[in-house]
Amino acid sequence: MNEKARRAFEILARENSRMLMVYLRSVIRDESAVDDLFQEAMVVAWRRLDECDLDQPFGPWLRGIASRLVLAHYRKQKTAPVMLHEAVLQVVDRHFENINLLAGDTWDDKVAALRECIDALPERQKSVIGGRYFDDLSAAEVAERFELTMEACKKRLQRGRTMLAECLKTKGVLSASGAAS
C-alpha cells in the first residue's frame, strides 16, 4: 500500500473512530466485545482499503464492515438479541448517517452538543437518562434505583428523550425527521 493511501486511512480512521465505537455500543452491550469488534473492523478496513472508494464517505463503509462483524459475532455466540436483525442494523446505520449530515463539523462537536443538552435536563429526567444510558441499567433497575414505579420510570425516560431531541433540534444536530423515527 502506498504512503498516500496509508495516510488517508489514518486520517479517516481517526475521524471515524468515535462514531464507530458509539455505533458498536448501540448494538452490543458487552464492552470487551465492543473493543474486540472495533479492532477487528479497523483491521478489516485496513486490509480492504483498496476496495474502498475514497471519493465516497468513509463512515458508512466502515459501519458496513462493523455490522457484518456484529452479525458474525452474534452467530458465533448464539446469543443474538431477538430484535437484532440485518434490517435493524441498517436502520441504526441510517440514523448515524443522518447525524453525520447535520450541522457540526465533527462527531466530537455533536457529542458535545448532546452533553450540553443532557446537562440542561431537569434533574428528574437527567437521573433516569443517566441510569439508563450511562450506567447501562435496564428500565426496571432504573425504576428500582430511584424508587419509581415502572410506569413512572418509563414516562420520565420518554420525557427525557423528548427533551433531548428538542434540544438537539434547536442546536441543529438532530433533524425533525430524525427525532420522530
Protein backbone atom coordinates (compact mmCIF):
# COMPACT_ATOMS: atom_id res chain seq x y z
CA MET A 1 0.00 0.00 0.00
CA ASN A 2 1.39 3.39 -0.91
CA GLU A 3 2.11 6.16 1.58
CA LYS A 4 -0.79 8.32 0.40
CA ALA A 5 -3.33 5.52 0.99
CA ARG A 6 -1.82 4.73 4.40
CA ARG A 7 -2.09 8.39 5.47
CA ALA A 8 -5.64 8.62 4.12
CA PHE A 9 -6.58 5.56 6.16
CA GLU A 10 -5.02 7.00 9.32
CA ILE A 11 -6.92 10.27 8.92
CA LEU A 12 -10.23 8.60 8.07
CA ALA A 13 -9.87 6.05 10.87
CA ARG A 14 -9.10 8.79 13.40
CA GLU A 15 -12.06 10.91 12.23
CA ASN A 16 -14.47 7.96 12.39
CA SER A 17 -13.21 6.02 15.42
CA ARG A 18 -15.56 7.62 17.99
CA MET A 19 -18.55 7.21 15.67
CA LEU A 20 -17.65 3.54 15.19
CA MET A 21 -17.39 2.96 18.96
CA VAL A 22 -20.79 4.59 19.53
CA TYR A 23 -22.27 2.54 16.70
CA LEU A 24 -20.91 -0.70 18.16
CA ARG A 25 -22.08 0.22 21.67
CA SER A 26 -25.56 0.86 20.28
CA VAL A 27 -25.86 -2.76 19.13
CA ILE A 28 -23.66 -4.66 21.64
CA ARG A 29 -23.75 -4.43 25.44
CA ASP A 30 -20.53 -6.34 26.22
CA GLU A 31 -17.76 -3.72 26.40
CA SER A 32 -14.96 -6.22 25.75
CA ALA A 33 -16.79 -7.46 22.64
CA VAL A 34 -17.18 -3.83 21.51
CA ASP A 35 -13.43 -3.29 21.87
CA ASP A 36 -12.65 -6.53 20.03
CA LEU A 37 -15.06 -5.75 17.21
CA PHE A 38 -13.72 -2.21 16.92
CA GLN A 39 -10.19 -3.52 16.49
CA GLU A 40 -11.33 -6.20 14.06
CA ALA A 41 -13.29 -3.66 11.98
CA MET A 42 -10.21 -1.44 11.73
CA VAL A 43 -8.03 -4.39 10.67
CA VAL A 44 -10.56 -5.49 8.05
CA ALA A 45 -10.88 -1.90 6.79
CA TRP A 46 -7.09 -1.62 6.53
CA ARG A 47 -6.85 -4.88 4.61
CA ARG A 48 -9.70 -3.91 2.28
CA LEU A 49 -8.79 -0.26 1.82
CA ASP A 50 -8.14 -0.85 -1.87
CA GLU A 51 -11.85 -1.81 -2.19
CA CYS A 52 -12.99 1.48 -0.63
CA ASP A 53 -13.94 4.34 -2.92
CA LEU A 54 -12.23 7.21 -1.12
CA ASP A 55 -14.41 9.67 -3.06
CA GLN A 56 -17.37 8.34 -1.03
CA PRO A 57 -17.95 8.83 2.72
CA PHE A 58 -15.77 6.53 4.80
CA GLY A 59 -18.14 6.22 7.80
CA PRO A 60 -20.88 4.18 6.07
CA TRP A 61 -18.26 1.85 4.56
CA LEU A 62 -16.67 1.33 7.97
CA ARG A 63 -20.07 0.77 9.65
CA GLY A 64 -20.90 -1.77 6.94
CA ILE A 65 -17.80 -3.74 7.88
CA ALA A 66 -18.70 -3.43 11.57
CA SER A 67 -22.31 -4.52 11.06
CA ARG A 68 -21.19 -7.70 9.29
CA LEU A 69 -18.77 -8.39 12.15
CA VAL A 70 -21.57 -7.80 14.70
CA LEU A 71 -23.83 -10.30 12.96
CA ALA A 72 -20.98 -12.83 12.79
CA HIS A 73 -20.24 -12.23 16.48
CA TYR A 74 -23.83 -12.98 17.48
CA ARG A 75 -24.00 -16.02 15.21
CA LYS A 76 -20.81 -17.34 16.80
CA GLN A 77 -22.07 -16.63 20.32
CA LYS A 78 -25.56 -17.93 19.55
CA THR A 79 -26.84 -15.08 21.72
CA ALA A 80 -28.27 -12.65 19.20
CA PRO A 81 -30.89 -10.40 20.72
CA VAL A 82 -34.32 -11.15 19.34
CA MET A 83 -34.54 -7.64 17.87
CA LEU A 84 -31.13 -7.71 16.17
CA HIS A 85 -31.50 -8.36 12.51
CA GLU A 86 -29.65 -7.00 9.50
CA ALA A 87 -32.58 -4.65 8.83
CA VAL A 88 -32.22 -3.23 12.37
CA LEU A 89 -28.52 -2.60 11.77
CA GLN A 90 -29.40 -0.80 8.53
CA VAL A 91 -31.85 1.46 10.39
CA VAL A 92 -29.21 2.23 13.03
CA ASP A 93 -26.72 2.95 10.24
CA ARG A 94 -29.18 5.34 8.55
CA HIS A 95 -29.60 7.22 11.83
CA PHE A 96 -25.82 7.56 12.14
CA GLU A 97 -25.63 8.81 8.57
CA ASN A 98 -28.38 11.37 9.24
CA ILE A 99 -26.37 12.60 12.23
CA ASN A 100 -23.26 12.91 10.05
CA LEU A 101 -25.15 15.05 7.52
CA LEU A 102 -26.30 17.60 10.09
CA ALA A 103 -24.60 20.67 11.50
CA GLY A 104 -21.38 20.35 13.45
CA ASP A 105 -18.06 19.79 11.83
CA THR A 106 -17.06 16.69 13.74
CA TRP A 107 -18.53 13.83 15.70
CA ASP A 108 -16.99 15.43 18.80
CA ASP A 109 -18.99 18.64 18.15
CA LYS A 110 -22.17 16.57 18.05
CA VAL A 111 -21.28 14.67 21.22
CA ALA A 112 -20.53 17.99 22.95
CA ALA A 113 -23.98 19.27 21.94
CA LEU A 114 -25.55 16.11 23.36
CA ARG A 115 -23.67 16.58 26.64
CA GLU A 116 -24.88 20.18 26.86
CA CYS A 117 -28.46 19.02 26.28
CA ILE A 118 -28.14 16.31 28.93
CA ASP A 119 -26.73 18.85 31.40
CA ALA A 120 -29.73 21.12 30.69
CA LEU A 121 -32.28 18.42 31.57
CA PRO A 122 -34.27 18.76 34.79
CA GLU A 123 -32.78 16.54 37.50
CA ARG A 124 -35.72 14.07 37.37
CA GLN A 125 -35.07 13.32 33.71
CA LYS A 126 -31.28 13.61 33.89
CA SER A 127 -31.06 10.99 36.64
CA VAL A 128 -33.12 8.35 34.80
CA ILE A 129 -31.41 9.08 31.46
CA GLY A 130 -28.04 8.76 33.20
CA GLY A 131 -29.01 5.50 34.85
CA ARG A 132 -30.39 4.00 31.66
CA TYR A 133 -27.76 5.09 29.15
CA PHE A 134 -24.60 5.86 31.10
CA ASP A 135 -24.87 3.30 33.89
CA ASP A 136 -26.30 0.77 31.41
CA LEU A 137 -29.18 -0.19 33.70
CA SER A 138 -32.41 -1.73 32.49
CA ALA A 139 -35.57 0.32 32.90
CA ALA A 140 -36.55 -1.93 35.81
CA GLU A 141 -33.18 -1.31 37.50
CA VAL A 142 -33.56 2.45 36.99
CA ALA A 143 -37.05 2.31 38.49
CA GLU A 144 -35.70 0.42 41.49
CA ARG A 145 -32.72 2.77 41.93
CA PHE A 146 -34.93 5.86 42.00
CA GLU A 147 -37.82 4.18 43.82
CA LEU A 148 -40.24 4.69 40.93
CA THR A 149 -42.98 2.54 39.55
CA MET A 150 -42.14 1.04 36.19
CA GLU A 151 -44.71 3.29 34.51
CA ALA A 152 -43.30 6.43 36.16
CA CYS A 153 -39.79 5.41 35.11
CA LYS A 154 -40.85 4.81 31.51
CA LYS A 155 -42.63 8.17 31.44
CA ARG A 156 -39.56 10.01 32.77
CA LEU A 157 -37.35 8.27 30.22
CA GLN A 158 -39.77 9.18 27.44
CA ARG A 159 -39.95 12.82 28.57
CA GLY A 160 -36.18 12.97 28.92
CA ARG A 161 -35.63 11.60 25.42
CA THR A 162 -38.19 14.06 24.03
CA MET A 163 -36.45 16.96 25.78
CA LEU A 164 -33.09 15.80 24.44
CA ALA A 165 -34.48 15.56 20.92
CA GLU A 166 -35.92 19.08 21.16
CA CYS A 167 -32.65 20.47 22.50
CA LEU A 168 -30.63 18.75 19.78
CA LYS A 169 -33.01 20.08 17.13
CA THR A 170 -32.52 23.64 18.40
CA LYS A 171 -28.74 23.11 18.19
CA GLY A 172 -29.11 21.83 14.61
CA VAL A 173 -27.70 18.41 15.50
CA LEU A 174 -30.93 16.49 15.02
CA SER A 175 -33.38 16.91 12.20
CA ALA A 176 -37.13 16.94 12.77
CA SER A 177 -37.43 13.67 10.83
CA GLY A 178 -34.56 12.09 12.80
CA ALA A 179 -36.27 12.80 16.09
CA ALA A 180 -39.54 11.24 15.03
CA SER A 181 -38.19 7.86 14.00
